[in-house]
Amino acid sequence: MITQKKLADLDPKRDLILHADLSDKGIHVGHLSLGIMMKLGTQTDLIYVADTWYYMFEEKEIVEDTYPKGAIRKQ
């Protein structure tokens, strides 16, 4: 069992590692980074974020993503 303390000690790409280890068991691990302030009635409304999470869950091919696209620059 992975505890919270052990998770902190894992590789920064732990979502990718967990996804690789668990996907053959039918378990999808994904991470969605949010680069927004949520505001009702705009493109940053919670409903759009929820749609993105749901899409990631349904497709089970996307392990990491950002919302909105391009919001977080990779270093």
PDB file of N, CA and C in Angstrom:
ATOM      1  N   MET A   1       0.845  -1.186   0.000  1.00  0.00           N
ATOM      2  CA  MET A   1       0.000   0.000   0.000  1.00  0.00           C
ATOM      3  C   MET A   1       0.889   1.248   0.000  1.00  0.00           C
ATOM      4  N   ILE A   2       0.515   2.218  -0.816  1.00  0.00           N
ATOM      5  CA  ILE A   2       1.276   3.466  -0.887  1.00  0.00           C
ATOM      6  C   ILE A   2       0.654   4.481   0.056  1.00  0.00           C
ATOM      7  N   THR A   3       1.429   4.957   1.009  1.00  0.00           N
ATOM      8  CA  THR A   3       0.937   5.953   1.953  1.00  0.00           C
ATOM      9  C   THR A   3       1.260   7.341   1.433  1.00  0.00           C
ATOM     10  N   GLN A   4       0.696   8.349   2.056  1.00  0.00           N
ATOM     11  CA  GLN A   4       0.935   9.738   1.668  1.00  0.00           C
ATOM     12  C   GLN A   4       2.425  10.061   1.753  1.00  0.00           C
ATOM     13  N   LYS A   5       3.104   9.614   2.799  1.00  0.00           N
ATOM     14  CA  LYS A   5       4.534   9.893   2.954  1.00  0.00           C
ATOM     15  C   LYS A   5       5.325   9.238   1.829  1.00  0.00           C
ATOM     16  N   LYS A   6       5.011   8.018   1.496  1.00  0.00           N
ATOM     17  CA  LYS A   6       5.718   7.338   0.418  1.00  0.00           C
ATOM     18  C   LYS A   6       5.463   8.027  -0.921  1.00  0.00           C
ATOM     19  N   LEU A   7       4.255   8.526  -1.153  1.00  0.00           N
ATOM     20  CA  LEU A   7       3.955   9.233  -2.398  1.00  0.00           C
ATOM     21  C   LEU A   7       4.856  10.441  -2.571  1.00  0.00           C
ATOM     22  N   ALA A   8       5.125  11.143  -1.479  1.00  0.00           N
ATOM     23  CA  ALA A   8       5.959  12.340  -1.543  1.00  0.00           C
ATOM     24  C   ALA A   8       7.398  11.992  -1.937  1.00  0.00           C
ATOM     25  N   ASP A   9       7.816  10.781  -1.642  1.00  0.00           N
ATOM     26  CA  ASP A   9       9.178  10.353  -1.948  1.00  0.00           C
ATOM     27  C   ASP A   9       9.327   9.809  -3.366  1.00  0.00           C
ATOM     28  N   LEU A  10       8.233   9.619  -4.070  1.00  0.00           N
ATOM     29  CA  LEU A  10       8.288   9.061  -5.417  1.00  0.00           C
ATOM     30  C   LEU A  10       8.775  10.088  -6.429  1.00  0.00           C
ATOM     31  N   ASP A  11       9.127   9.587  -7.574  1.00  0.00           N
ATOM     32  CA  ASP A  11       9.554  10.410  -8.707  1.00  0.00           C
ATOM     33  C   ASP A  11       8.496  11.460  -9.028  1.00  0.00           C
ATOM     34  N   PRO A  12       8.892  12.667  -9.466  1.00  0.00           N
ATOM     35  CA  PRO A  12       7.912  13.698  -9.840  1.00  0.00           C
ATOM     36  C   PRO A  12       6.940  13.226 -10.924  1.00  0.00           C
ATOM     37  N   LYS A  13       7.339  12.240 -11.703  1.00  0.00           N
ATOM     38  CA  LYS A  13       6.464  11.694 -12.740  1.00  0.00           C
ATOM     39  C   LYS A  13       5.686  10.486 -12.210  1.00  0.00           C
ATOM     40  N   ARG A  14       5.390  10.501 -10.909  1.00  0.00           N
ATOM     41  CA  ARG A  14       4.731   9.347 -10.290  1.00  0.00           C
ATOM     42  C   ARG A  14       3.389   9.004 -10.932  1.00  0.00           C
ATOM     43  N   ASP A  15       2.692  10.011 -11.488  1.00  0.00           N
ATOM     44  CA  ASP A  15       1.428   9.706 -12.155  1.00  0.00           C
ATOM     45  C   ASP A  15       1.660   8.788 -13.350  1.00  0.00           C
ATOM     46  N   LEU A  16       2.737   9.036 -14.077  1.00  0.00           N
ATOM     47  CA  LEU A  16       3.070   8.191 -15.216  1.00  0.00           C
ATOM     48  C   LEU A  16       3.459   6.795 -14.761  1.00  0.00           C
ATOM     49  N   ILE A  17       4.211   6.717 -13.659  1.00  0.00           N
ATOM     50  CA  ILE A  17       4.631   5.430 -13.123  1.00  0.00           C
ATOM     51  C   ILE A  17       3.414   4.651 -12.625  1.00  0.00           C
ATOM     52  N   LEU A  18       2.547   5.308 -11.856  1.00  0.00           N
ATOM     53  CA  LEU A  18       1.344   4.642 -11.355  1.00  0.00           C
ATOM     54  C   LEU A  18       0.454   4.192 -12.501  1.00  0.00           C
ATOM     55  N   HIS A  19       0.319   5.047 -13.519  1.00  0.00           N
ATOM     56  CA  HIS A  19      -0.488   4.683 -14.679  1.00  0.00           C
ATOM     57  C   HIS A  19       0.069   3.422 -15.342  1.00  0.00           C
ATOM     58  N   ALA A  20       1.374   3.383 -15.548  1.00  0.00           N
ATOM     59  CA  ALA A  20       2.005   2.227 -16.193  1.00  0.00           C
ATOM     60  C   ALA A  20       1.830   0.964 -15.346  1.00  0.00           C
ATOM     61  N   ASP A  21       1.947   1.103 -14.035  1.00  0.00           N
ATOM     62  CA  ASP A  21       1.834  -0.056 -13.150  1.00  0.00           C
ATOM     63  C   ASP A  21       0.405  -0.568 -13.000  1.00  0.00           C
ATOM     64  N   LEU A  22      -0.573   0.322 -13.083  1.00  0.00           N
ATOM     65  CA  LEU A  22      -1.950  -0.070 -12.771  1.00  0.00           C
ATOM     66  C   LEU A  22      -2.880  -0.204 -13.975  1.00  0.00           C
ATOM     67  N   SER A  23      -2.478   0.287 -15.130  1.00  0.00           N
ATOM     68  CA  SER A  23      -3.391   0.285 -16.278  1.00  0.00           C
ATOM     69  C   SER A  23      -3.787  -1.122 -16.705  1.00  0.00           C
ATOM     70  N   ASP A  24      -2.885  -2.100 -16.561  1.00  0.00           N
ATOM     71  CA  ASP A  24      -3.241  -3.470 -16.952  1.00  0.00           C
ATOM     72  C   ASP A  24      -4.250  -4.098 -15.995  1.00  0.00           C
ATOM     73  N   LYS A  25      -4.469  -3.452 -14.847  1.00  0.00           N
ATOM     74  CA  LYS A  25      -5.486  -3.913 -13.886  1.00  0.00           C
ATOM     75  C   LYS A  25      -6.813  -3.171 -14.067  1.00  0.00           C
ATOM     76  N   GLY A  26      -6.870  -2.315 -15.099  1.00  0.00           N
ATOM     77  CA  GLY A  26      -8.086  -1.554 -15.364  1.00  0.00           C
ATOM     78  C   GLY A  26      -8.217  -0.292 -14.540  1.00  0.00           C
ATOM     79  N   ILE A  27      -7.121   0.125 -13.898  1.00  0.00           N
ATOM     80  CA  ILE A  27      -7.130   1.331 -13.073  1.00  0.00           C
ATOM     81  C   ILE A  27      -6.431   2.447 -13.840  1.00  0.00           C
ATOM     82  N   HIS A  28      -7.131   3.557 -14.030  1.00  0.00           N
ATOM     83  CA  HIS A  28      -6.554   4.694 -14.746  1.00  0.00           C
ATOM     84  C   HIS A  28      -6.101   5.747 -13.750  1.00  0.00           C
ATOM     85  N   VAL A  29      -4.845   6.154 -13.866  1.00  0.00           N
ATOM     86  CA  VAL A  29      -4.290   7.221 -13.039  1.00  0.00           C
ATOM     87  C   VAL A  29      -3.999   8.390 -13.962  1.00  0.00           C
ATOM     88  N   GLY A  30      -4.523   9.550 -13.646  1.00  0.00           N
ATOM     89  CA  GLY A  30      -4.294  10.727 -14.461  1.00  0.00           C
ATOM     90  C   GLY A  30      -4.146  11.969 -13.604  1.00  0.00           C
ATOM     91  N   HIS A  31      -3.571  13.007 -14.210  1.00  0.00           N
ATOM     92  CA  HIS A  31      -3.346  14.262 -13.490  1.00  0.00           C
ATOM     93  C   HIS A  31      -3.709  15.423 -14.408  1.00  0.00           C
ATOM     94  N   LEU A  32      -4.542  16.310 -13.915  1.00  0.00           N
ATOM     95  CA  LEU A  32      -4.928  17.500 -14.661  1.00  0.00           C
ATOM     96  C   LEU A  32      -4.479  18.720 -13.877  1.00  0.00           C
ATOM     97  N   SER A  33      -3.528  19.472 -14.430  1.00  0.00           N
ATOM     98  CA  SER A  33      -3.044  20.706 -13.795  1.00  0.00           C
ATOM     99  C   SER A  33      -3.950  21.852 -14.208  1.00  0.00           C
ATOM    100  N   LEU A  34      -4.402  22.620 -13.232  1.00  0.00           N
ATOM    101  CA  LEU A  34      -5.274  23.756 -13.514  1.00  0.00           C
ATOM    102  C   LEU A  34      -4.474  25.043 -13.448  1.00  0.00           C
ATOM    103  N   GLY A  35      -4.565  25.841 -14.504  1.00  0.00           N
ATOM    104  CA  GLY A  35      -3.876  27.126 -14.553  1.00  0.00           C
ATOM    105  C   GLY A  35      -4.876  28.261 -14.631  1.00  0.00           C
ATOM    106  N   ILE A  36      -5.919  28.177 -13.791  1.00  0.00           N
ATOM    107  CA  ILE A  36      -7.026  29.140 -13.882  1.00  0.00           C
ATOM    108  C   ILE A  36      -7.556  29.505 -12.505  1.00  0.00           C
ATOM    109  N   MET A  37      -8.302  30.584 -12.476  1.00  0.00           N
ATOM    110  CA  MET A  37      -9.175  30.903 -11.353  1.00  0.00           C
ATOM    111  C   MET A  37     -10.572  30.564 -11.850  1.00  0.00           C
ATOM    112  N   MET A  38     -11.261  29.691 -11.163  1.00  0.00           N
ATOM    113  CA  MET A  38     -12.587  29.281 -11.615  1.00  0.00           C
ATOM    114  C   MET A  38     -13.602  30.394 -11.400  1.00  0.00           C
ATOM    115  N   LYS A  39     -14.437  30.607 -12.420  1.00  0.00           N
ATOM    116  CA  LYS A  39     -15.460  31.634 -12.333  1.00  0.00           C
ATOM    117  C   LYS A  39     -16.699  31.148 -13.079  1.00  0.00           C
ATOM    118  N   LEU A  40     -17.830  31.151 -12.387  1.00  0.00           N
ATOM    119  CA  LEU A  40     -19.077  30.696 -12.991  1.00  0.00           C
ATOM    120  C   LEU A  40     -19.427  31.494 -14.232  1.00  0.00           C
ATOM    121  N   GLY A  41     -19.966  30.799 -15.229  1.00  0.00           N
ATOM    122  CA  GLY A  41     -20.439  31.460 -16.433  1.00  0.00           C
ATOM    123  C   GLY A  41     -19.373  31.838 -17.439  1.00  0.00           C
ATOM    124  N   THR A  42     -18.134  31.363 -17.219  1.00  0.00           N
ATOM    125  CA  THR A  42     -17.044  31.646 -18.163  1.00  0.00           C
ATOM    126  C   THR A  42     -16.434  30.320 -18.604  1.00  0.00           C
ATOM    127  N   GLN A  43     -15.410  30.383 -19.460  1.00  0.00           N
ATOM    128  CA  GLN A  43     -14.706  29.166 -19.889  1.00  0.00           C
ATOM    129  C   GLN A  43     -13.974  28.507 -18.734  1.00  0.00           C
ATOM    130  N   THR A  44     -13.839  29.210 -17.613  1.00  0.00           N
ATOM    131  CA  THR A  44     -13.178  28.632 -16.445  1.00  0.00           C
ATOM    132  C   THR A  44     -14.194  28.124 -15.423  1.00  0.00           C
ATOM    133  N   ASP A  45     -15.431  27.986 -15.842  1.00  0.00           N
ATOM    134  CA  ASP A  45     -16.494  27.429 -14.993  1.00  0.00           C
ATOM    135  C   ASP A  45     -16.152  25.977 -14.652  1.00  0.00           C
ATOM    136  N   LEU A  46     -16.494  25.564 -13.467  1.00  0.00           N
ATOM    137  CA  LEU A  46     -16.225  24.204 -13.004  1.00  0.00           C
ATOM    138  C   LEU A  46     -16.760  23.147 -13.967  1.00  0.00           C
ATOM    139  N   ILE A  47     -17.854  23.414 -14.647  1.00  0.00           N
ATOM    140  CA  ILE A  47     -18.440  22.420 -15.549  1.00  0.00           C
ATOM    141  C   ILE A  47     -17.471  22.060 -16.678  1.00  0.00           C
ATOM    142  N   TYR A  48     -16.698  23.034 -17.172  1.00  0.00           N
ATOM    143  CA  TYR A  48     -15.738  22.755 -18.238  1.00  0.00           C
ATOM    144  C   TYR A  48     -14.544  21.955 -17.724  1.00  0.00           C
ATOM    145  N   VAL A  49     -14.119  22.265 -16.511  1.00  0.00           N
ATOM    146  CA  VAL A  49     -13.037  21.504 -15.901  1.00  0.00           C
ATOM    147  C   VAL A  49     -13.500  20.063 -15.668  1.00  0.00           C
ATOM    148  N   ALA A  50     -14.697  19.902 -15.168  1.00  0.00           N
ATOM    149  CA  ALA A  50     -15.252  18.563 -14.939  1.00  0.00           C
ATOM    150  C   ALA A  50     -15.360  17.788 -16.249  1.00  0.00           C
ATOM    151  N   ASP A  51     -15.749  18.456 -17.320  1.00  0.00           N
ATOM    152  CA  ASP A  51     -15.827  17.799 -18.632  1.00  0.00           C
ATOM    153  C   ASP A  51     -14.449  17.289 -19.061  1.00  0.00           C
ATOM    154  N   THR A  52     -13.417  18.073 -18.791  1.00  0.00           N
ATOM    155  CA  THR A  52     -12.061  17.665 -19.157  1.00  0.00           C
ATOM    156  C   THR A  52     -11.630  16.449 -18.352  1.00  0.00           C
ATOM    157  N   TRP A  53     -11.886  16.468 -17.043  1.00  0.00           N
ATOM    158  CA  TRP A  53     -11.568  15.299 -16.206  1.00  0.00           C
ATOM    159  C   TRP A  53     -12.325  14.065 -16.691  1.00  0.00           C
ATOM    160  N   TYR A  54     -13.607  14.251 -16.988  1.00  0.00           N
ATOM    161  CA  TYR A  54     -14.416  13.119 -17.436  1.00  0.00           C
ATOM    162  C   TYR A  54     -13.890  12.567 -18.762  1.00  0.00           C
ATOM    163  N   TYR A  55     -13.515  13.452 -19.685  1.00  0.00           N
ATOM    164  CA  TYR A  55     -12.957  13.023 -20.962  1.00  0.00           C
ATOM    165  C   TYR A  55     -11.683  12.207 -20.737  1.00  0.00           C
ATOM    166  N   MET A  56     -10.803  12.687 -19.840  1.00  0.00           N
ATOM    167  CA  MET A  56      -9.581  11.948 -19.529  1.00  0.00           C
ATOM    168  C   MET A  56      -9.915  10.565 -18.984  1.00  0.00           C
ATOM    169  N   PHE A  57     -10.923  10.489 -18.124  1.00  0.00           N
ATOM    170  CA  PHE A  57     -11.328   9.213 -17.550  1.00  0.00           C
ATOM    171  C   PHE A  57     -11.884   8.274 -18.613  1.00  0.00           C
ATOM    172  N   GLU A  58     -12.740   8.796 -19.476  1.00  0.00           N
ATOM    173  CA  GLU A  58     -13.368   7.978 -20.513  1.00  0.00           C
ATOM    174  C   GLU A  58     -12.349   7.465 -21.531  1.00  0.00           C
ATOM    175  N   GLU A  59     -11.436   8.320 -21.962  1.00  0.00           N
ATOM    176  CA  GLU A  59     -10.469   7.945 -22.991  1.00  0.00           C
ATOM    177  C   GLU A  59      -9.377   7.022 -22.450  1.00  0.00           C
ATOM    178  N   LYS A  60      -9.004   7.244 -21.197  1.00  0.00           N
ATOM    179  CA  LYS A  60      -7.973   6.452 -20.523  1.00  0.00           C
ATOM    180  C   LYS A  60      -6.646   6.409 -21.279  1.00  0.00           C
ATOM    181  N   GLU A  61      -6.398   7.367 -22.142  1.00  0.00           N
ATOM    182  CA  GLU A  61      -5.132   7.441 -22.863  1.00  0.00           C
ATOM    183  C   GLU A  61      -4.321   8.651 -22.405  1.00  0.00           C
ATOM    184  N   ILE A  62      -5.011   9.652 -21.865  1.00  0.00           N
ATOM    185  CA  ILE A  62      -4.337  10.870 -21.419  1.00  0.00           C
ATOM    186  C   ILE A  62      -3.981  10.711 -19.945  1.00  0.00           C
ATOM    187  N   VAL A  63      -2.690  10.784 -19.641  1.00  0.00           N
ATOM    188  CA  VAL A  63      -2.241  10.614 -18.258  1.00  0.00           C
ATOM    189  C   VAL A  63      -1.998  11.969 -17.613  1.00  0.00           C
ATOM    190  N   GLU A  64      -1.447  12.916 -18.365  1.00  0.00           N
ATOM    191  CA  GLU A  64      -1.207  14.267 -17.859  1.00  0.00           C
ATOM    192  C   GLU A  64      -1.728  15.278 -18.867  1.00  0.00           C
ATOM    193  N   ASP A  65      -2.346  16.344 -18.343  1.00  0.00           N
ATOM    194  CA  ASP A  65      -2.837  17.407 -19.213  1.00  0.00           C
ATOM    195  C   ASP A  65      -2.948  18.686 -18.397  1.00  0.00           C
ATOM    196  N   THR A  66      -3.142  19.798 -19.097  1.00  0.00           N
ATOM    197  CA  THR A  66      -3.368  21.072 -18.430  1.00  0.00           C
ATOM    198  C   THR A  66      -4.689  21.659 -18.907  1.00  0.00           C
ATOM    199  N   TYR A  67      -5.300  22.461 -18.051  1.00  0.00           N
ATOM    200  CA  TYR A  67      -6.524  23.172 -18.422  1.00  0.00           C
ATOM    201  C   TYR A  67      -6.370  24.615 -18.011  1.00  0.00           C
ATOM    202  N   PRO A  68      -6.565  25.530 -18.920  1.00  0.00           N
ATOM    203  CA  PRO A  68      -6.759  25.338 -20.357  1.00  0.00           C
ATOM    204  C   PRO A  68      -5.432  24.942 -21.011  1.00  0.00           C
ATOM    205  N   LYS A  69      -5.523  24.432 -22.220  1.00  0.00           N
ATOM    206  CA  LYS A  69      -4.322  23.991 -22.941  1.00  0.00           C
ATOM    207  C   LYS A  69      -3.299  25.127 -22.966  1.00  0.00           C
ATOM    208  N   GLY A  70      -2.054  24.804 -22.690  1.00  0.00           N
ATOM    209  CA  GLY A  70      -0.979  25.783 -22.746  1.00  0.00           C
ATOM    210  C   GLY A  70      -0.878  26.684 -21.525  1.00  0.00           C
ATOM    211  N   ALA A  71      -1.685  26.433 -20.497  1.00  0.00           N
ATOM    212  CA  ALA A  71      -1.688  27.307 -19.318  1.00  0.00           C
ATOM    213  C   ALA A  71      -0.401  27.173 -18.508  1.00  0.00           C
ATOM    214  N   ILE A  72       0.208  26.028 -18.554  1.00  0.00           N
ATOM    215  CA  ILE A  72       1.404  25.792 -17.762  1.00  0.00           C
ATOM    216  C   ILE A  72       2.561  25.479 -18.691  1.00  0.00           C
ATOM    217  N   ARG A  73       3.612  26.274 -18.593  1.00  0.00           N
ATOM    218  CA  ARG A  73       4.781  26.073 -19.444  1.00  0.00           C
ATOM    219  C   ARG A  73       5.642  24.953 -18.882  1.00  0.00           C
ATOM    220  N   LYS A  74       6.095  24.058 -19.750  1.00  0.00           N
ATOM    221  CA  LYS A  74       6.995  23.005 -19.326  1.00  0.00           C
ATOM    222  C   LYS A  74       8.410  23.551 -19.260  1.00  0.00           C
ATOM    223  N   GLN A  75       9.142  23.139 -18.252  1.00  0.00           N
ATOM    224  CA  GLN A  75      10.521  23.622 -18.065  1.00  0.00           C
ATOM    225  C   GLN A  75      11.514  22.635 -18.591  1.00  0.00           C
TER     226      GLN A  75
END
